[in-house]
Amino acid sequence: MRLYHNPRCSKSRQALALLEIRNLDFEVYLYLDHGVSVGDLDLLMSLDGIIRTGDETFRNSGIDSGDSAGLRTLLLKNPSLLQRPILIANGRAAIGRPPENILTLLHDA
């Protein structure tokens, strides 16, 4: 399991705590430091609301929310536009808004 985590985000910290109290084996992936993993990109792009469209960077990009290729490129160049937190487990992903949403993936973990 991999948790896309931003330590400055309260929702992300809550999701991290939910996994830690369950003593689960998972990777904390600091996407702001390492960027969005190209290997995860297809899965991430399949999630509704994966891009923070209210962010100024997105609004100024000129990319339409229906432009899949443009959104992929934008996300790779601007990982801060990724919604957070996100848990990836067993080929599935969930956005942790609210943080408890990630628990839907744990029955398969």
N, C-alpha and C. Protein backbone atom coordinates (compact mmCIF):
# COMPACT_ATOMS: atom_id res chain seq x y z
N MET A 1 0.85 -1.18 0.00
CA MET A 1 0.00 0.00 0.00
C MET A 1 0.88 1.23 0.00
N ARG A 2 0.40 2.25 -0.65
CA ARG A 2 1.12 3.52 -0.72
C ARG A 2 0.16 4.64 -0.38
N LEU A 3 0.58 5.51 0.55
CA LEU A 3 -0.20 6.68 0.92
C LEU A 3 0.47 7.91 0.34
N TYR A 4 -0.22 8.56 -0.60
CA TYR A 4 0.25 9.86 -1.09
C TYR A 4 -0.05 10.85 0.01
N HIS A 5 1.02 11.40 0.60
CA HIS A 5 0.89 12.14 1.85
C HIS A 5 1.53 13.52 1.75
N ASN A 6 0.83 14.49 2.33
CA ASN A 6 1.36 15.84 2.51
C ASN A 6 1.30 16.13 4.01
N PRO A 7 2.44 16.13 4.70
CA PRO A 7 2.44 16.31 6.15
C PRO A 7 1.82 17.63 6.62
N ARG A 8 1.73 18.61 5.74
CA ARG A 8 1.14 19.90 6.14
C ARG A 8 -0.38 19.90 6.06
N CYS A 9 -0.95 18.84 5.51
CA CYS A 9 -2.40 18.75 5.32
C CYS A 9 -3.03 17.96 6.48
N SER A 10 -4.01 18.55 7.15
CA SER A 10 -4.63 17.87 8.29
C SER A 10 -5.35 16.59 7.87
N LYS A 11 -5.99 16.59 6.72
CA LYS A 11 -6.68 15.38 6.24
C LYS A 11 -5.67 14.26 5.96
N SER A 12 -4.53 14.64 5.43
CA SER A 12 -3.49 13.68 5.14
C SER A 12 -2.91 13.11 6.44
N ARG A 13 -2.71 13.96 7.42
CA ARG A 13 -2.21 13.48 8.72
C ARG A 13 -3.23 12.54 9.38
N GLN A 14 -4.51 12.85 9.23
CA GLN A 14 -5.56 11.98 9.78
C GLN A 14 -5.56 10.62 9.09
N ALA A 15 -5.40 10.60 7.78
CA ALA A 15 -5.35 9.34 7.03
C ALA A 15 -4.14 8.52 7.48
N LEU A 16 -3.01 9.17 7.64
CA LEU A 16 -1.80 8.49 8.10
C LEU A 16 -2.06 7.84 9.46
N ALA A 17 -2.70 8.56 10.35
CA ALA A 17 -3.00 8.03 11.69
C ALA A 17 -3.93 6.83 11.61
N LEU A 18 -4.92 6.87 10.71
CA LEU A 18 -5.84 5.75 10.55
C LEU A 18 -5.10 4.47 10.15
N LEU A 19 -4.10 4.61 9.31
CA LEU A 19 -3.31 3.44 8.89
C LEU A 19 -2.37 2.98 10.00
N GLU A 20 -1.75 3.94 10.67
CA GLU A 20 -0.78 3.60 11.72
C GLU A 20 -1.44 2.88 12.90
N ILE A 21 -2.64 3.31 13.30
CA ILE A 21 -3.27 2.67 14.46
C ILE A 21 -3.71 1.24 14.14
N ARG A 22 -3.78 0.91 12.86
CA ARG A 22 -4.13 -0.45 12.44
C ARG A 22 -2.87 -1.31 12.21
N ASN A 23 -1.69 -0.72 12.47
CA ASN A 23 -0.42 -1.43 12.30
C ASN A 23 -0.27 -2.06 10.92
N LEU A 24 -0.66 -1.33 9.90
CA LEU A 24 -0.57 -1.82 8.53
C LEU A 24 0.79 -1.52 7.94
N ASP A 25 1.20 -2.36 7.03
CA ASP A 25 2.45 -2.16 6.31
C ASP A 25 2.14 -1.32 5.07
N PHE A 26 2.67 -0.10 5.02
CA PHE A 26 2.41 0.79 3.90
C PHE A 26 3.58 1.75 3.72
N GLU A 27 3.66 2.29 2.53
CA GLU A 27 4.68 3.28 2.20
C GLU A 27 4.07 4.67 2.30
N VAL A 28 4.77 5.56 2.98
CA VAL A 28 4.38 6.97 2.98
C VAL A 28 5.11 7.61 1.81
N TYR A 29 4.35 8.07 0.84
CA TYR A 29 4.93 8.64 -0.37
C TYR A 29 4.74 10.15 -0.34
N LEU A 30 5.84 10.87 -0.19
CA LEU A 30 5.81 12.33 -0.12
C LEU A 30 5.85 12.89 -1.54
N TYR A 31 4.69 12.97 -2.14
CA TYR A 31 4.57 13.32 -3.55
C TYR A 31 5.03 14.75 -3.85
N LEU A 32 5.00 15.64 -2.88
CA LEU A 32 5.49 17.00 -3.13
C LEU A 32 7.02 17.00 -3.28
N ASP A 33 7.69 16.05 -2.65
CA ASP A 33 9.14 15.92 -2.75
C ASP A 33 9.55 15.10 -3.97
N HIS A 34 8.79 14.04 -4.26
CA HIS A 34 9.19 13.07 -5.29
C HIS A 34 8.38 13.15 -6.58
N GLY A 35 7.32 13.94 -6.59
CA GLY A 35 6.45 14.03 -7.75
C GLY A 35 5.48 12.86 -7.79
N VAL A 36 4.56 12.93 -8.70
CA VAL A 36 3.59 11.85 -8.89
C VAL A 36 4.31 10.71 -9.60
N SER A 37 4.17 9.52 -9.08
CA SER A 37 4.80 8.35 -9.69
C SER A 37 4.13 8.06 -11.04
N VAL A 38 4.95 7.96 -12.08
CA VAL A 38 4.42 7.66 -13.42
C VAL A 38 3.70 6.32 -13.39
N GLY A 39 4.18 5.38 -12.59
CA GLY A 39 3.56 4.08 -12.48
C GLY A 39 2.16 4.12 -11.87
N ASP A 40 1.87 5.16 -11.10
CA ASP A 40 0.55 5.31 -10.48
C ASP A 40 -0.38 6.21 -11.29
N LEU A 41 0.15 6.85 -12.31
CA LEU A 41 -0.59 7.91 -12.98
C LEU A 41 -1.92 7.44 -13.58
N ASP A 42 -1.94 6.30 -14.26
CA ASP A 42 -3.20 5.84 -14.85
C ASP A 42 -4.26 5.62 -13.78
N LEU A 43 -3.88 4.99 -12.70
CA LEU A 43 -4.82 4.74 -11.61
C LEU A 43 -5.31 6.05 -10.99
N LEU A 44 -4.38 6.95 -10.74
CA LEU A 44 -4.76 8.24 -10.16
C LEU A 44 -5.71 9.02 -11.07
N MET A 45 -5.41 9.00 -12.36
CA MET A 45 -6.24 9.75 -13.31
C MET A 45 -7.64 9.15 -13.45
N SER A 46 -7.83 7.92 -13.02
CA SER A 46 -9.15 7.29 -13.10
C SER A 46 -10.08 7.76 -11.97
N LEU A 47 -9.53 8.45 -10.98
CA LEU A 47 -10.33 8.91 -9.84
C LEU A 47 -11.01 10.24 -10.14
N ASP A 48 -12.29 10.32 -9.85
CA ASP A 48 -13.01 11.59 -9.97
C ASP A 48 -12.45 12.58 -8.95
N GLY A 49 -12.22 13.80 -9.38
CA GLY A 49 -11.77 14.85 -8.47
C GLY A 49 -10.31 14.76 -8.08
N ILE A 50 -9.50 14.08 -8.87
CA ILE A 50 -8.08 13.90 -8.52
C ILE A 50 -7.29 15.20 -8.60
N ILE A 51 -7.73 16.12 -9.44
CA ILE A 51 -7.03 17.41 -9.61
C ILE A 51 -7.71 18.47 -8.76
N ARG A 52 -6.91 19.25 -8.07
CA ARG A 52 -7.42 20.36 -7.26
C ARG A 52 -7.73 21.53 -8.20
N THR A 53 -8.92 21.51 -8.77
CA THR A 53 -9.29 22.48 -9.80
C THR A 53 -9.47 23.89 -9.26
N GLY A 54 -9.61 24.04 -7.97
CA GLY A 54 -9.73 25.37 -7.39
C GLY A 54 -8.39 26.07 -7.20
N ASP A 55 -7.33 25.33 -7.40
CA ASP A 55 -5.97 25.87 -7.23
C ASP A 55 -5.66 26.86 -8.35
N GLU A 56 -4.97 27.93 -8.01
CA GLU A 56 -4.61 28.96 -8.99
C GLU A 56 -3.77 28.42 -10.14
N THR A 57 -2.89 27.48 -9.84
CA THR A 57 -2.06 26.88 -10.88
C THR A 57 -2.92 26.21 -11.94
N PHE A 58 -3.96 25.50 -11.50
CA PHE A 58 -4.85 24.87 -12.46
C PHE A 58 -5.64 25.92 -13.24
N ARG A 59 -6.19 26.89 -12.55
CA ARG A 59 -7.00 27.93 -13.21
C ARG A 59 -6.19 28.69 -14.25
N ASN A 60 -4.91 28.89 -13.99
CA ASN A 60 -4.05 29.63 -14.92
C ASN A 60 -3.43 28.76 -16.00
N SER A 61 -3.66 27.46 -15.93
CA SER A 61 -3.01 26.55 -16.88
C SER A 61 -3.66 26.59 -18.27
N GLY A 62 -4.92 26.97 -18.34
CA GLY A 62 -5.63 26.97 -19.61
C GLY A 62 -6.04 25.58 -20.07
N ILE A 63 -5.84 24.58 -19.23
CA ILE A 63 -6.19 23.20 -19.58
C ILE A 63 -7.62 22.93 -19.17
N ASP A 64 -8.37 22.37 -20.10
CA ASP A 64 -9.76 22.02 -19.85
C ASP A 64 -9.82 20.76 -18.99
N SER A 65 -10.78 20.68 -18.10
CA SER A 65 -10.88 19.52 -17.21
C SER A 65 -11.18 18.23 -17.97
N GLY A 66 -11.58 18.32 -19.23
CA GLY A 66 -11.82 17.14 -20.05
C GLY A 66 -10.62 16.71 -20.88
N ASP A 67 -9.54 17.45 -20.81
CA ASP A 67 -8.33 17.17 -21.59
C ASP A 67 -7.44 16.20 -20.81
N SER A 68 -7.65 14.93 -21.00
CA SER A 68 -6.95 13.90 -20.24
C SER A 68 -5.43 14.00 -20.38
N ALA A 69 -4.95 14.14 -21.60
CA ALA A 69 -3.50 14.22 -21.82
C ALA A 69 -2.93 15.48 -21.17
N GLY A 70 -3.63 16.59 -21.30
CA GLY A 70 -3.18 17.84 -20.69
C GLY A 70 -3.15 17.76 -19.18
N LEU A 71 -4.17 17.10 -18.59
CA LEU A 71 -4.22 16.95 -17.14
C LEU A 71 -3.09 16.07 -16.63
N ARG A 72 -2.78 15.02 -17.37
CA ARG A 72 -1.68 14.12 -16.98
C ARG A 72 -0.36 14.90 -16.94
N THR A 73 -0.10 15.66 -17.99
CA THR A 73 1.13 16.45 -18.06
C THR A 73 1.17 17.48 -16.95
N LEU A 74 0.04 18.14 -16.75
CA LEU A 74 -0.04 19.17 -15.71
C LEU A 74 0.24 18.57 -14.33
N LEU A 75 -0.33 17.41 -14.05
CA LEU A 75 -0.14 16.76 -12.77
C LEU A 75 1.32 16.33 -12.55
N LEU A 76 1.95 15.84 -13.61
CA LEU A 76 3.36 15.45 -13.49
C LEU A 76 4.25 16.66 -13.24
N LYS A 77 3.91 17.79 -13.83
CA LYS A 77 4.72 19.00 -13.65
C LYS A 77 4.39 19.74 -12.36
N ASN A 78 3.17 19.55 -11.86
CA ASN A 78 2.70 20.27 -10.68
C ASN A 78 2.05 19.31 -9.70
N PRO A 79 2.84 18.52 -8.98
CA PRO A 79 2.26 17.53 -8.07
C PRO A 79 1.39 18.15 -6.98
N SER A 80 1.56 19.43 -6.71
CA SER A 80 0.73 20.07 -5.69
C SER A 80 -0.75 20.12 -6.10
N LEU A 81 -1.04 19.88 -7.38
CA LEU A 81 -2.43 19.86 -7.84
C LEU A 81 -3.13 18.55 -7.53
N LEU A 82 -2.40 17.57 -7.05
CA LEU A 82 -2.98 16.28 -6.70
C LEU A 82 -3.83 16.42 -5.44
N GLN A 83 -5.03 15.90 -5.51
CA GLN A 83 -5.87 15.84 -4.32
C GLN A 83 -5.18 14.96 -3.30
N ARG A 84 -5.39 15.19 -2.03
CA ARG A 84 -4.74 14.40 -1.01
C ARG A 84 -5.64 14.25 0.19
N PRO A 85 -5.36 13.24 0.96
CA PRO A 85 -4.44 12.12 0.76
C PRO A 85 -5.06 11.09 -0.19
N ILE A 86 -4.22 10.21 -0.70
CA ILE A 86 -4.68 9.12 -1.56
C ILE A 86 -4.01 7.85 -1.10
N LEU A 87 -4.81 6.82 -0.95
CA LEU A 87 -4.27 5.50 -0.64
C LEU A 87 -4.41 4.63 -1.87
N ILE A 88 -3.32 3.94 -2.21
CA ILE A 88 -3.32 2.96 -3.29
C ILE A 88 -3.07 1.59 -2.66
N ALA A 89 -3.97 0.66 -2.98
CA ALA A 89 -3.83 -0.69 -2.44
C ALA A 89 -4.43 -1.68 -3.42
N ASN A 90 -3.66 -2.71 -3.77
CA ASN A 90 -4.14 -3.80 -4.62
C ASN A 90 -4.77 -3.31 -5.92
N GLY A 91 -4.12 -2.35 -6.56
CA GLY A 91 -4.59 -1.88 -7.85
C GLY A 91 -5.80 -0.97 -7.80
N ARG A 92 -6.15 -0.53 -6.61
CA ARG A 92 -7.27 0.41 -6.44
C ARG A 92 -6.76 1.62 -5.68
N ALA A 93 -7.52 2.71 -5.76
CA ALA A 93 -7.12 3.94 -5.07
C ALA A 93 -8.35 4.63 -4.52
N ALA A 94 -8.14 5.39 -3.44
CA ALA A 94 -9.22 6.17 -2.84
C ALA A 94 -8.65 7.49 -2.35
N ILE A 95 -9.40 8.55 -2.60
CA ILE A 95 -9.05 9.87 -2.07
C ILE A 95 -9.59 9.95 -0.65
N GLY A 96 -8.76 10.36 0.27
CA GLY A 96 -9.14 10.43 1.68
C GLY A 96 -9.80 11.74 2.06
N ARG A 97 -10.87 12.07 1.43
CA ARG A 97 -11.68 13.24 1.77
C ARG A 97 -13.12 12.80 1.88
N PRO A 98 -13.55 12.50 3.08
CA PRO A 98 -12.83 12.55 4.36
C PRO A 98 -11.82 11.40 4.47
N PRO A 99 -10.91 11.50 5.44
CA PRO A 99 -9.86 10.49 5.58
C PRO A 99 -10.39 9.07 5.69
N GLU A 100 -11.54 8.89 6.26
CA GLU A 100 -12.11 7.56 6.44
C GLU A 100 -12.39 6.86 5.11
N ASN A 101 -12.45 7.61 4.02
CA ASN A 101 -12.67 6.99 2.69
C ASN A 101 -11.60 5.97 2.34
N ILE A 102 -10.39 6.14 2.85
CA ILE A 102 -9.33 5.19 2.53
C ILE A 102 -9.59 3.82 3.13
N LEU A 103 -10.42 3.77 4.16
CA LEU A 103 -10.69 2.50 4.83
C LEU A 103 -11.43 1.53 3.92
N THR A 104 -12.08 2.03 2.88
CA THR A 104 -12.80 1.16 1.95
C THR A 104 -11.85 0.22 1.23
N LEU A 105 -10.57 0.56 1.16
CA LEU A 105 -9.59 -0.29 0.49
C LEU A 105 -8.97 -1.33 1.41
N LEU A 106 -9.18 -1.20 2.69
CA LEU A 106 -8.44 -2.03 3.64
C LEU A 106 -8.94 -3.46 3.72
N HIS A 107 -10.16 -3.73 3.36
CA HIS A 107 -10.64 -5.11 3.45
C HIS A 107 -9.91 -6.02 2.46
N ASP A 108 -9.30 -5.41 1.43
CA ASP A 108 -8.54 -6.18 0.45
C ASP A 108 -7.06 -6.23 0.81
N ALA A 109 -6.65 -5.45 1.78
CA ALA A 109 -5.23 -5.31 2.10
C ALA A 109 -4.71 -6.49 2.91
